[in-house]
Amino acid sequence: MGRIFEKRKHKMFARFDRMAKAFTRIGKDIAIAVKQGGPNPDNNPRLRMAIQNAKGVNMPKDRVENAIKRASSKDEKDFQEVVYEGYAPHGVPVMVECATDNPTRTVANIRLHFSKNGGSMGNSGSVQFLFERKGVFKFDPAKLPLDEWELDLIDAGAEDIQQDEDALIVYTKFAEFGHMQKFLESKKLDAKSAELQYIPTTTKELSEAQQDEVMECISALEEDDDVQNVYHNLA
């Protein structure tokens, strides 16, 4: 009984950790969007996207509003968006997106995470050519029936559409991301999330033990407070 309770407790804390990380990440997205385009979402597409993503992870409305207010303050710190590149164990290429108020601290931490977990930091451009920057929109399939919307989504710039029981995922080229955003807004279609992501052009197969080593490195990077997203090509 005690062992079952411990497992449940571990799962609960893991879920809270993921939620807290998601809230922190979106809070930074909101701050960057407000600093760049102002606090009015009607005039700021990036802020509208961040608010929509906040809804997708059930971030409380008052927390979103507070994040916008803080970002509007002159005293609020400025976050810089920085991308670092490197290799996890077994030569797995990794892209690390960060939002930081102290790049010197961040680059030192990212280098440490790589080296402590069997990886290595790379120079700018060392692995980016193995990824393609794409727009990724995720929907609740029940709210966006594919048979009704597929042709319209393709006309709006969808390059690929994938569906399973949990999500309908629409991919666009980088240049079509804004076009798709405008189309969805015009049709009042709410995505659970809308992001630009680094999608690997090929994937790498490894044994289960090797995969575990790679994921230890990835997890260490993801847990860093300055890290927003980590991308890799592990199959």
C-alpha atoms as a PDB file:
ATOM      1  CA  MET A   1       0.000   0.000   0.000  1.00  0.00           C
ATOM      2  CA  GLY A   2       2.839   2.360   0.935  1.00  0.00           C
ATOM      3  CA  ARG A   3       4.614   1.681  -2.358  1.00  0.00           C
ATOM      4  CA  ILE A   4       1.453   2.473  -4.356  1.00  0.00           C
ATOM      5  CA  PHE A   5       1.008   5.721  -2.401  1.00  0.00           C
ATOM      6  CA  GLU A   6       4.614   6.713  -3.120  1.00  0.00           C
ATOM      7  CA  LYS A   7       4.128   6.074  -6.854  1.00  0.00           C
ATOM      8  CA  ARG A   8       0.964   8.182  -6.887  1.00  0.00           C
ATOM      9  CA  LYS A   9       2.693  10.956  -4.962  1.00  0.00           C
ATOM     10  CA  HIS A  10       5.630  10.877  -7.387  1.00  0.00           C
ATOM     11  CA  LYS A  11       3.272  11.148 -10.377  1.00  0.00           C
ATOM     12  CA  MET A  12       1.384  14.019  -8.727  1.00  0.00           C
ATOM     13  CA  PHE A  13       4.574  15.983  -8.034  1.00  0.00           C
ATOM     14  CA  ALA A  14       5.819  15.311 -11.577  1.00  0.00           C
ATOM     15  CA  ARG A  15       2.554  16.682 -12.957  1.00  0.00           C
ATOM     16  CA  PHE A  16       2.840  19.798 -10.781  1.00  0.00           C
ATOM     17  CA  ASP A  17       6.463  20.263 -11.910  1.00  0.00           C
ATOM     18  CA  ARG A  18       5.422  20.087 -15.579  1.00  0.00           C
ATOM     19  CA  MET A  19       2.604  22.560 -14.979  1.00  0.00           C
ATOM     20  CA  ALA A  20       4.884  24.959 -13.091  1.00  0.00           C
ATOM     21  CA  LYS A  21       7.458  24.781 -15.903  1.00  0.00           C
ATOM     22  CA  ALA A  22       4.746  25.429 -18.516  1.00  0.00           C
ATOM     23  CA  PHE A  23       3.443  28.444 -16.574  1.00  0.00           C
ATOM     24  CA  THR A  24       6.977  29.861 -16.215  1.00  0.00           C
ATOM     25  CA  ARG A  25       7.694  29.356 -19.915  1.00  0.00           C
ATOM     26  CA  ILE A  26       4.478  31.051 -21.013  1.00  0.00           C
ATOM     27  CA  GLY A  27       5.015  33.847 -18.480  1.00  0.00           C
ATOM     28  CA  LYS A  28       8.310  34.617 -20.226  1.00  0.00           C
ATOM     29  CA  ASP A  29       6.615  34.400 -23.640  1.00  0.00           C
ATOM     30  CA  ILE A  30       4.075  36.975 -22.434  1.00  0.00           C
ATOM     31  CA  ALA A  31       6.829  39.236 -21.075  1.00  0.00           C
ATOM     32  CA  ILE A  32       8.772  39.128 -24.350  1.00  0.00           C
ATOM     33  CA  ALA A  33       5.605  39.725 -26.387  1.00  0.00           C
ATOM     34  CA  VAL A  34       4.583  42.746 -24.273  1.00  0.00           C
ATOM     35  CA  LYS A  35       8.068  44.277 -24.408  1.00  0.00           C
ATOM     36  CA  GLN A  36       8.129  43.881 -28.190  1.00  0.00           C
ATOM     37  CA  GLY A  37       4.565  44.818 -29.121  1.00  0.00           C
ATOM     38  CA  GLY A  38       2.789  46.363 -26.138  1.00  0.00           C
ATOM     39  CA  PRO A  39       0.197  45.061 -23.644  1.00  0.00           C
ATOM     40  CA  ASN A  40      -2.862  45.177 -25.919  1.00  0.00           C
ATOM     41  CA  PRO A  41      -3.427  41.739 -27.489  1.00  0.00           C
ATOM     42  CA  ASP A  42      -5.649  43.281 -30.189  1.00  0.00           C
ATOM     43  CA  ASN A  43      -2.551  44.960 -31.638  1.00  0.00           C
ATOM     44  CA  ASN A  44      -0.022  42.282 -30.707  1.00  0.00           C
ATOM     45  CA  PRO A  45      -0.267  38.916 -32.526  1.00  0.00           C
ATOM     46  CA  ARG A  46       2.561  37.403 -30.481  1.00  0.00           C
ATOM     47  CA  LEU A  47       0.792  38.292 -27.236  1.00  0.00           C
ATOM     48  CA  ARG A  48      -2.470  36.817 -28.551  1.00  0.00           C
ATOM     49  CA  MET A  49      -0.606  33.601 -29.303  1.00  0.00           C
ATOM     50  CA  ALA A  50       0.949  33.525 -25.816  1.00  0.00           C
ATOM     51  CA  ILE A  51      -2.455  34.072 -24.185  1.00  0.00           C
ATOM     52  CA  GLN A  52      -3.948  31.271 -26.284  1.00  0.00           C
ATOM     53  CA  ASN A  53      -1.105  28.950 -25.268  1.00  0.00           C
ATOM     54  CA  ALA A  54      -1.753  29.894 -21.632  1.00  0.00           C
ATOM     55  CA  LYS A  55      -5.357  28.751 -22.031  1.00  0.00           C
ATOM     56  CA  GLY A  56      -4.122  25.510 -23.555  1.00  0.00           C
ATOM     57  CA  VAL A  57      -2.244  24.593 -20.356  1.00  0.00           C
ATOM     58  CA  ASN A  58      -5.037  25.895 -18.080  1.00  0.00           C
ATOM     59  CA  MET A  59      -2.984  28.821 -16.792  1.00  0.00           C
ATOM     60  CA  PRO A  60      -5.312  30.896 -14.548  1.00  0.00           C
ATOM     61  CA  LYS A  61      -6.637  34.092 -16.126  1.00  0.00           C
ATOM     62  CA  ASP A  62      -5.483  36.253 -13.201  1.00  0.00           C
ATOM     63  CA  ARG A  63      -1.962  34.873 -13.573  1.00  0.00           C
ATOM     64  CA  VAL A  64      -1.967  35.793 -17.274  1.00  0.00           C
ATOM     65  CA  GLU A  65      -3.223  39.303 -16.487  1.00  0.00           C
ATOM     66  CA  ASN A  66      -0.566  39.732 -13.785  1.00  0.00           C
ATOM     67  CA  ALA A  67       2.147  38.629 -16.219  1.00  0.00           C
ATOM     68  CA  ILE A  68       0.989  41.281 -18.711  1.00  0.00           C
ATOM     69  CA  LYS A  69       0.953  43.970 -15.999  1.00  0.00           C
ATOM     70  CA  ARG A  70       4.438  43.044 -14.782  1.00  0.00           C
ATOM     71  CA  ALA A  71       5.812  43.071 -18.325  1.00  0.00           C
ATOM     72  CA  SER A  72       4.314  46.547 -18.862  1.00  0.00           C
ATOM     73  CA  SER A  73       6.289  47.915 -15.918  1.00  0.00           C
ATOM     74  CA  LYS A  74       9.562  49.718 -16.626  1.00  0.00           C
ATOM     75  CA  ASP A  75      11.071  47.834 -13.694  1.00  0.00           C
ATOM     76  CA  GLU A  76      10.414  44.429 -15.239  1.00  0.00           C
ATOM     77  CA  LYS A  77      13.558  42.724 -16.514  1.00  0.00           C
ATOM     78  CA  ASP A  78      14.096  42.249 -20.237  1.00  0.00           C
ATOM     79  CA  PHE A  79      14.433  38.695 -21.470  1.00  0.00           C
ATOM     80  CA  GLN A  80      16.680  37.903 -24.414  1.00  0.00           C
ATOM     81  CA  GLU A  81      15.865  34.977 -26.667  1.00  0.00           C
ATOM     82  CA  VAL A  82      18.949  32.848 -27.289  1.00  0.00           C
ATOM     83  CA  VAL A  83      19.394  29.479 -29.017  1.00  0.00           C
ATOM     84  CA  TYR A  84      22.250  27.141 -28.084  1.00  0.00           C
ATOM     85  CA  GLU A  85      23.336  24.034 -29.964  1.00  0.00           C
ATOM     86  CA  GLY A  86      25.129  20.892 -28.960  1.00  0.00           C
ATOM     87  CA  TYR A  87      25.208  17.117 -28.832  1.00  0.00           C
ATOM     88  CA  ALA A  88      23.683  14.802 -26.261  1.00  0.00           C
ATOM     89  CA  PRO A  89      25.344  11.400 -25.692  1.00  0.00           C
ATOM     90  CA  HIS A  90      25.781   9.165 -28.779  1.00  0.00           C
ATOM     91  CA  GLY A  91      25.954  12.159 -31.110  1.00  0.00           C
ATOM     92  CA  VAL A  92      22.286  13.175 -30.823  1.00  0.00           C
ATOM     93  CA  PRO A  93      21.976  16.808 -32.018  1.00  0.00           C
ATOM     94  CA  VAL A  94      20.158  19.190 -29.680  1.00  0.00           C
ATOM     95  CA  MET A  95      18.706  22.705 -30.036  1.00  0.00           C
ATOM     96  CA  VAL A  96      18.064  24.612 -26.789  1.00  0.00           C
ATOM     97  CA  GLU A  97      15.804  27.678 -26.825  1.00  0.00           C
ATOM     98  CA  CYS A  98      16.285  30.017 -23.858  1.00  0.00           C
ATOM     99  CA  ALA A  99      14.761  33.246 -22.544  1.00  0.00           C
ATOM    100  CA  THR A 100      17.187  34.888 -20.159  1.00  0.00           C
ATOM    101  CA  ASP A 101      17.976  38.144 -18.388  1.00  0.00           C
ATOM    102  CA  ASN A 102      21.612  37.044 -18.029  1.00  0.00           C
ATOM    103  CA  PRO A 103      23.090  35.287 -21.103  1.00  0.00           C
ATOM    104  CA  THR A 104      26.473  34.891 -19.393  1.00  0.00           C
ATOM    105  CA  ARG A 105      24.882  32.806 -16.648  1.00  0.00           C
ATOM    106  CA  THR A 106      22.743  30.880 -19.084  1.00  0.00           C
ATOM    107  CA  VAL A 107      25.485  29.838 -21.504  1.00  0.00           C
ATOM    108  CA  ALA A 108      27.627  28.638 -18.577  1.00  0.00           C
ATOM    109  CA  ASN A 109      24.746  26.568 -17.214  1.00  0.00           C
ATOM    110  CA  ILE A 110      23.873  25.066 -20.601  1.00  0.00           C
ATOM    111  CA  ARG A 111      27.514  24.099 -21.182  1.00  0.00           C
ATOM    112  CA  LEU A 112      27.603  22.498 -17.719  1.00  0.00           C
ATOM    113  CA  HIS A 113      24.398  20.504 -18.338  1.00  0.00           C
ATOM    114  CA  PHE A 114      25.851  19.113 -21.543  1.00  0.00           C
ATOM    115  CA  SER A 115      29.250  18.219 -20.068  1.00  0.00           C
ATOM    116  CA  LYS A 116      27.861  16.677 -16.852  1.00  0.00           C
ATOM    117  CA  ASN A 117      25.535  14.418 -18.828  1.00  0.00           C
ATOM    118  CA  GLY A 118      27.833  13.024 -21.489  1.00  0.00           C
ATOM    119  CA  GLY A 119      27.172  15.669 -24.128  1.00  0.00           C
ATOM    120  CA  SER A 120      29.025  18.654 -25.529  1.00  0.00           C
ATOM    121  CA  MET A 121      28.189  22.257 -26.340  1.00  0.00           C
ATOM    122  CA  GLY A 122      28.493  23.199 -30.004  1.00  0.00           C
ATOM    123  CA  ASN A 123      29.092  26.419 -31.920  1.00  0.00           C
ATOM    124  CA  SER A 124      26.291  28.367 -33.570  1.00  0.00           C
ATOM    125  CA  GLY A 125      25.232  26.508 -36.715  1.00  0.00           C
ATOM    126  CA  SER A 126      26.821  23.215 -35.668  1.00  0.00           C
ATOM    127  CA  VAL A 127      23.530  21.273 -35.631  1.00  0.00           C
ATOM    128  CA  GLN A 128      20.857  23.734 -36.790  1.00  0.00           C
ATOM    129  CA  PHE A 129      21.150  22.478 -40.389  1.00  0.00           C
ATOM    130  CA  LEU A 130      19.714  19.145 -39.144  1.00  0.00           C
ATOM    131  CA  PHE A 131      16.439  20.857 -38.164  1.00  0.00           C
ATOM    132  CA  GLU A 132      13.771  22.833 -39.971  1.00  0.00           C
ATOM    133  CA  ARG A 133      11.920  25.733 -38.333  1.00  0.00           C
ATOM    134  CA  LYS A 134       8.181  25.121 -38.663  1.00  0.00           C
ATOM    135  CA  GLY A 135       4.894  26.332 -37.286  1.00  0.00           C
ATOM    136  CA  VAL A 136       3.122  23.750 -35.128  1.00  0.00           C
ATOM    137  CA  PHE A 137      -0.551  24.182 -34.215  1.00  0.00           C
ATOM    138  CA  LYS A 138      -2.293  21.689 -31.912  1.00  0.00           C
ATOM    139  CA  PHE A 139      -6.076  21.345 -31.680  1.00  0.00           C
ATOM    140  CA  ASP A 140      -8.689  19.326 -29.860  1.00  0.00           C
ATOM    141  CA  PRO A 141      -9.938  16.996 -32.671  1.00  0.00           C
ATOM    142  CA  ALA A 142     -13.495  17.297 -31.347  1.00  0.00           C
ATOM    143  CA  LYS A 143     -13.410  21.074 -31.889  1.00  0.00           C
ATOM    144  CA  LEU A 144     -11.813  20.974 -35.333  1.00  0.00           C
ATOM    145  CA  PRO A 145     -13.250  18.098 -37.419  1.00  0.00           C
ATOM    146  CA  LEU A 146     -10.609  17.300 -40.028  1.00  0.00           C
ATOM    147  CA  ASP A 147     -13.105  16.234 -42.687  1.00  0.00           C
ATOM    148  CA  GLU A 148     -14.675  19.715 -42.528  1.00  0.00           C
ATOM    149  CA  TRP A 149     -11.527  21.824 -42.344  1.00  0.00           C
ATOM    150  CA  GLU A 150      -8.752  19.917 -44.126  1.00  0.00           C
ATOM    151  CA  LEU A 151      -8.935  21.758 -47.464  1.00  0.00           C
ATOM    152  CA  ASP A 152      -9.239  25.163 -45.771  1.00  0.00           C
ATOM    153  CA  LEU A 153      -6.204  24.406 -43.598  1.00  0.00           C
ATOM    154  CA  ILE A 154      -4.178  23.408 -46.665  1.00  0.00           C
ATOM    155  CA  ASP A 155      -5.213  26.631 -48.424  1.00  0.00           C
ATOM    156  CA  ALA A 156      -4.124  28.564 -45.312  1.00  0.00           C
ATOM    157  CA  GLY A 157      -0.631  27.077 -45.465  1.00  0.00           C
ATOM    158  CA  ALA A 158      -0.766  23.632 -43.839  1.00  0.00           C
ATOM    159  CA  GLU A 159       2.168  21.552 -45.059  1.00  0.00           C
ATOM    160  CA  ASP A 160       1.276  18.420 -43.080  1.00  0.00           C
ATOM    161  CA  ILE A 161      -1.644  17.393 -40.863  1.00  0.00           C
ATOM    162  CA  GLN A 162      -1.469  14.558 -38.332  1.00  0.00           C
ATOM    163  CA  GLN A 163      -4.234  13.278 -36.087  1.00  0.00           C
ATOM    164  CA  ASP A 164      -4.536  10.869 -33.202  1.00  0.00           C
ATOM    165  CA  GLU A 165      -7.085  10.476 -30.399  1.00  0.00           C
ATOM    166  CA  ASP A 166      -5.637  13.321 -28.338  1.00  0.00           C
ATOM    167  CA  ALA A 167      -4.661  15.975 -30.835  1.00  0.00           C
ATOM    168  CA  LEU A 168      -4.870  17.267 -34.371  1.00  0.00           C
ATOM    169  CA  ILE A 169      -1.468  18.720 -35.296  1.00  0.00           C
ATOM    170  CA  VAL A 170      -1.030  21.114 -38.209  1.00  0.00           C
ATOM    171  CA  TYR A 171       2.469  21.901 -39.510  1.00  0.00           C
ATOM    172  CA  THR A 172       3.326  24.936 -41.631  1.00  0.00           C
ATOM    173  CA  LYS A 173       6.494  26.272 -43.182  1.00  0.00           C
ATOM    174  CA  PHE A 174       8.140  29.054 -41.169  1.00  0.00           C
ATOM    175  CA  ALA A 175       6.976  31.692 -43.667  1.00  0.00           C
ATOM    176  CA  GLU A 176       3.348  30.488 -43.465  1.00  0.00           C
ATOM    177  CA  PHE A 177       3.070  30.651 -39.668  1.00  0.00           C
ATOM    178  CA  GLY A 178       1.576  34.166 -39.577  1.00  0.00           C
ATOM    179  CA  HIS A 179      -0.785  33.378 -42.434  1.00  0.00           C
ATOM    180  CA  MET A 180      -2.153  30.355 -40.566  1.00  0.00           C
ATOM    181  CA  GLN A 181      -2.523  32.434 -37.395  1.00  0.00           C
ATOM    182  CA  LYS A 182      -4.588  35.038 -39.230  1.00  0.00           C
ATOM    183  CA  PHE A 183      -6.749  32.345 -40.848  1.00  0.00           C
ATOM    184  CA  LEU A 184      -7.503  30.691 -37.499  1.00  0.00           C
ATOM    185  CA  GLU A 185      -8.348  34.035 -35.899  1.00  0.00           C
ATOM    186  CA  SER A 186     -10.641  34.966 -38.797  1.00  0.00           C
ATOM    187  CA  LYS A 187     -12.528  31.669 -38.354  1.00  0.00           C
ATOM    188  CA  LYS A 188     -12.460  31.916 -34.518  1.00  0.00           C
ATOM    189  CA  LEU A 189     -10.667  28.568 -34.292  1.00  0.00           C
ATOM    190  CA  ASP A 190      -8.726  28.264 -31.034  1.00  0.00           C
ATOM    191  CA  ALA A 191      -5.580  26.148 -31.045  1.00  0.00           C
ATOM    192  CA  LYS A 192      -4.494  24.490 -27.796  1.00  0.00           C
ATOM    193  CA  SER A 193      -1.010  25.688 -28.671  1.00  0.00           C
ATOM    194  CA  ALA A 194       0.679  27.546 -31.513  1.00  0.00           C
ATOM    195  CA  GLU A 195       4.469  27.606 -31.678  1.00  0.00           C
ATOM    196  CA  LEU A 196       7.470  27.797 -33.940  1.00  0.00           C
ATOM    197  CA  GLN A 197       9.509  24.657 -33.352  1.00  0.00           C
ATOM    198  CA  TYR A 198      12.704  23.057 -34.617  1.00  0.00           C
ATOM    199  CA  ILE A 199      11.656  19.834 -36.352  1.00  0.00           C
ATOM    200  CA  PRO A 200      14.452  17.321 -37.135  1.00  0.00           C
ATOM    201  CA  THR A 201      14.854  16.441 -40.802  1.00  0.00           C
ATOM    202  CA  THR A 202      15.991  12.906 -39.871  1.00  0.00           C
ATOM    203  CA  THR A 203      15.759  10.821 -36.690  1.00  0.00           C
ATOM    204  CA  LYS A 204      18.308   8.661 -34.899  1.00  0.00           C
ATOM    205  CA  GLU A 205      17.671   5.122 -33.649  1.00  0.00           C
ATOM    206  CA  LEU A 206      19.390   4.031 -30.420  1.00  0.00           C
ATOM    207  CA  SER A 207      19.127   1.151 -27.972  1.00  0.00           C
ATOM    208  CA  GLU A 208      16.951   1.578 -24.887  1.00  0.00           C
ATOM    209  CA  ALA A 209      19.981   2.040 -22.629  1.00  0.00           C
ATOM    210  CA  GLN A 210      21.430   4.663 -24.974  1.00  0.00           C
ATOM    211  CA  GLN A 211      18.074   6.432 -25.150  1.00  0.00           C
ATOM    212  CA  ASP A 212      18.032   6.657 -21.348  1.00  0.00           C
ATOM    213  CA  GLU A 213      21.444   8.342 -21.392  1.00  0.00           C
ATOM    214  CA  VAL A 214      20.265  10.855 -23.999  1.00  0.00           C
ATOM    215  CA  MET A 215      17.068  11.624 -22.071  1.00  0.00           C
ATOM    216  CA  GLU A 216      19.035  12.268 -18.866  1.00  0.00           C
ATOM    217  CA  CYS A 217      20.888  15.011 -20.713  1.00  0.00           C
ATOM    218  CA  ILE A 218      17.670  16.370 -22.267  1.00  0.00           C
ATOM    219  CA  SER A 219      15.921  16.380 -18.859  1.00  0.00           C
ATOM    220  CA  ALA A 220      18.803  18.273 -17.238  1.00  0.00           C
ATOM    221  CA  LEU A 221      18.533  20.943 -19.942  1.00  0.00           C
ATOM    222  CA  GLU A 222      14.747  21.157 -19.688  1.00  0.00           C
ATOM    223  CA  GLU A 223      14.889  21.644 -15.926  1.00  0.00           C
ATOM    224  CA  ASP A 224      17.042  24.772 -16.227  1.00  0.00           C
ATOM    225  CA  ASP A 225      15.018  27.890 -15.362  1.00  0.00           C
ATOM    226  CA  ASP A 226      16.252  29.769 -18.449  1.00  0.00           C
ATOM    227  CA  VAL A 227      15.323  27.014 -20.915  1.00  0.00           C
ATOM    228  CA  GLN A 228      12.074  27.350 -22.847  1.00  0.00           C
ATOM    229  CA  ASN A 229      12.269  24.370 -25.216  1.00  0.00           C
ATOM    230  CA  VAL A 230      14.665  21.553 -26.092  1.00  0.00           C
ATOM    231  CA  TYR A 231      14.606  19.816 -29.484  1.00  0.00           C
ATOM    232  CA  HIS A 232      16.472  16.674 -30.561  1.00  0.00           C
ATOM    233  CA  ASN A 233      16.292  14.024 -33.291  1.00  0.00           C
ATOM    234  CA  LEU A 234      16.067  10.893 -31.118  1.00  0.00           C
ATOM    235  CA  ALA A 235      13.516   8.543 -32.695  1.00  0.00           C
END
